[in-house]
Amino acid sequence: MTKNELDIDRILQILPHRWPFVMVDRVTEVVPNELIRGHKSVSFNEPWFLGHFPRNPIMPGVLVIEALAQIGGILAYASEPFDEAKSLLYFLGIDKAKFRRPVVPGDRLDLEVTVVHHRMNVWKLKGEASVDGTLCAQGELLASVVDREG
């Protein structure tokens, strides 16, 4: 692993998410304030495949967007580290979301997020998710670093 890669142990230190909602398995490249790349390995034993859809399992599109939001959060943290015990990065919204290809068990979902705009604690990001070079989903994400309650 290079210094620009993050394994699951480091990802779990940055993200507040836990199984089954950790949607990033590895970060392969980080350029602070610019871009991040990584992936999620989609496995048949993930809980949503029991009902979405049992005879034709596909990863829900909202979870593909969630994967982009999570890796975008890692990019924000890598760009301007914050004390994760005191702050969280909240996903505020998505614009221009498009779904182009289903994601199925066995796929490696490649994630790429770039910074569109950053001011103070608000981040606007552009995300693309693909499998084998084919675009699956895309959108513009908005997120903000906020203080934890309590």
Protein backbone atom coordinates (compact mmCIF):
# COMPACT_ATOMS: atom_id res chain seq x y z
CA MET A 1 0.00 0.00 0.00
CA THR A 2 1.26 3.48 -0.84
CA LYS A 3 0.85 6.50 1.40
CA ASN A 4 -2.07 7.63 -0.81
CA GLU A 5 -3.96 4.37 -0.21
CA LEU A 6 -6.25 3.68 2.74
CA ASP A 7 -7.25 0.21 3.87
CA ILE A 8 -10.47 -0.69 5.65
CA ASP A 9 -8.96 -0.15 9.12
CA ARG A 10 -8.14 3.50 8.31
CA ILE A 11 -11.47 3.98 6.54
CA LEU A 12 -13.27 2.83 9.71
CA GLN A 13 -11.30 5.36 11.75
CA ILE A 14 -12.54 8.19 9.51
CA LEU A 15 -16.13 7.15 8.74
CA PRO A 16 -18.76 6.78 11.48
CA HIS A 17 -20.49 4.01 9.48
CA ARG A 18 -20.37 0.34 10.45
CA TRP A 19 -21.52 -2.91 8.88
CA PRO A 20 -23.72 -3.21 6.88
CA PHE A 21 -23.46 0.45 5.84
CA VAL A 22 -19.75 0.85 5.17
CA MET A 23 -19.77 1.27 1.39
CA VAL A 24 -16.02 1.78 0.80
CA ASP A 25 -13.59 -1.13 1.07
CA ARG A 26 -10.41 0.58 -0.10
CA VAL A 27 -9.14 3.99 -1.16
CA THR A 28 -6.56 3.67 -3.92
CA GLU A 29 -5.70 7.35 -4.49
CA VAL A 30 -6.19 10.60 -2.64
CA VAL A 31 -5.18 14.05 -3.83
CA PRO A 32 -6.36 16.41 -1.06
CA ASN A 33 -8.70 19.18 -2.24
CA GLU A 34 -8.91 17.55 -5.68
CA LEU A 35 -9.94 13.90 -6.01
CA ILE A 36 -10.27 10.48 -4.46
CA ARG A 37 -10.55 7.01 -6.00
CA GLY A 38 -11.42 3.72 -4.39
CA HIS A 39 -13.84 0.83 -4.59
CA LYS A 40 -16.44 -1.37 -2.97
CA SER A 41 -16.47 -5.08 -3.65
CA VAL A 42 -20.10 -6.08 -4.08
CA SER A 43 -20.82 -9.48 -2.54
CA PHE A 44 -23.89 -11.69 -2.86
CA ASN A 45 -24.16 -12.01 0.94
CA GLU A 46 -24.92 -8.31 1.50
CA PRO A 47 -28.23 -7.90 3.35
CA TRP A 48 -30.10 -5.86 0.72
CA PHE A 49 -29.90 -8.65 -1.85
CA LEU A 50 -32.40 -10.69 0.19
CA GLY A 51 -35.15 -8.34 -0.96
CA HIS A 52 -33.72 -6.29 -3.86
CA PHE A 53 -34.46 -8.42 -5.90
CA PRO A 54 -34.15 -12.10 -4.86
CA ARG A 55 -34.30 -13.55 -8.40
CA ASN A 56 -32.35 -10.72 -10.00
CA PRO A 57 -30.20 -9.12 -7.26
CA ILE A 58 -29.07 -5.54 -7.89
CA MET A 59 -27.48 -3.07 -5.51
CA PRO A 60 -29.99 -0.31 -4.72
CA GLY A 61 -29.10 2.92 -6.52
CA VAL A 62 -29.36 4.90 -3.29
CA LEU A 63 -26.58 2.72 -1.86
CA VAL A 64 -24.38 3.41 -4.88
CA ILE A 65 -24.90 7.13 -4.17
CA GLU A 66 -24.17 6.45 -0.48
CA ALA A 67 -20.84 4.87 -1.50
CA LEU A 68 -19.99 8.05 -3.42
CA ALA A 69 -21.00 10.19 -0.43
CA GLN A 70 -18.85 8.12 1.93
CA ILE A 71 -15.73 8.27 -0.22
CA GLY A 72 -16.42 12.00 -0.67
CA GLY A 73 -16.42 12.30 3.12
CA ILE A 74 -13.02 10.63 3.21
CA LEU A 75 -11.78 13.17 0.63
CA ALA A 76 -13.07 16.06 2.77
CA TYR A 77 -11.33 14.58 5.81
CA ALA A 78 -8.08 14.05 3.88
CA SER A 79 -8.27 17.66 2.65
CA GLU A 80 -9.05 19.30 5.99
CA PRO A 81 -8.77 16.78 8.84
CA PHE A 82 -11.26 17.27 11.65
CA ASP A 83 -11.61 15.58 15.02
CA GLU A 84 -14.02 12.76 14.18
CA ALA A 85 -14.88 12.47 17.88
CA LYS A 86 -16.25 16.04 17.80
CA SER A 87 -17.44 16.47 14.20
CA LEU A 88 -19.26 14.58 11.47
CA LEU A 89 -19.58 15.11 7.74
CA TYR A 90 -23.28 15.13 6.89
CA PHE A 91 -24.59 14.40 3.41
CA LEU A 92 -26.88 17.33 2.56
CA GLY A 93 -28.12 16.55 -0.91
CA ILE A 94 -27.63 15.32 -4.41
CA ASP A 95 -28.24 16.96 -7.77
CA LYS A 96 -28.10 15.58 -11.29
CA ALA A 97 -28.21 11.95 -10.10
CA LYS A 98 -28.34 9.45 -12.94
CA PHE A 99 -28.29 5.68 -12.93
CA ARG A 100 -26.93 4.05 -16.07
CA ARG A 101 -26.20 0.37 -15.33
CA PRO A 102 -27.20 -2.04 -12.55
CA VAL A 103 -24.59 -3.12 -10.01
CA VAL A 104 -24.75 -6.84 -9.25
CA PRO A 105 -23.02 -9.32 -6.93
CA GLY A 106 -19.47 -9.96 -8.04
CA ASP A 107 -18.93 -6.43 -9.36
CA ARG A 108 -16.16 -4.19 -8.11
CA LEU A 109 -17.78 -0.78 -7.87
CA ASP A 110 -15.09 1.79 -8.69
CA LEU A 111 -15.69 5.16 -7.06
CA GLU A 112 -14.26 8.53 -8.08
CA VAL A 113 -15.13 11.85 -6.47
CA THR A 114 -13.71 15.28 -7.33
CA VAL A 115 -14.06 18.60 -5.55
CA VAL A 116 -16.25 21.07 -7.45
CA HIS A 117 -16.32 23.75 -4.76
CA HIS A 118 -15.32 24.10 -1.11
CA ARG A 119 -16.02 27.01 1.18
CA MET A 120 -15.66 26.92 4.96
CA ASN A 121 -17.36 23.69 6.11
CA VAL A 122 -19.41 23.02 2.94
CA TRP A 123 -18.26 20.72 0.13
CA LYS A 124 -19.71 20.34 -3.36
CA LEU A 125 -18.43 17.18 -5.02
CA LYS A 126 -18.91 15.36 -8.31
CA GLY A 127 -19.08 11.59 -8.08
CA GLU A 128 -19.00 8.76 -10.59
CA ALA A 129 -19.38 5.04 -9.92
CA SER A 130 -18.40 2.50 -12.55
CA VAL A 131 -17.86 -1.21 -13.10
CA ASP A 132 -15.18 -2.40 -15.53
CA GLY A 133 -14.96 1.12 -16.99
CA THR A 134 -18.72 1.40 -17.60
CA LEU A 135 -20.46 4.27 -15.82
CA CYS A 136 -23.16 3.02 -13.40
CA ALA A 137 -24.18 6.16 -11.52
CA GLN A 138 -23.20 9.79 -11.18
CA GLY A 139 -24.24 12.92 -9.37
CA GLU A 140 -23.24 16.12 -7.62
CA LEU A 141 -23.07 15.76 -3.84
CA LEU A 142 -23.34 18.41 -1.16
CA ALA A 143 -21.95 17.81 2.34
CA SER A 144 -21.05 19.77 5.45
CA VAL A 145 -18.84 19.23 8.48
CA VAL A 146 -20.96 19.76 11.61
CA ASP A 147 -20.43 19.45 15.35
CA ARG A 148 -21.61 16.20 16.94
CA GLU A 149 -24.56 16.51 19.29
CA GLY A 150 -23.89 16.04 23.01
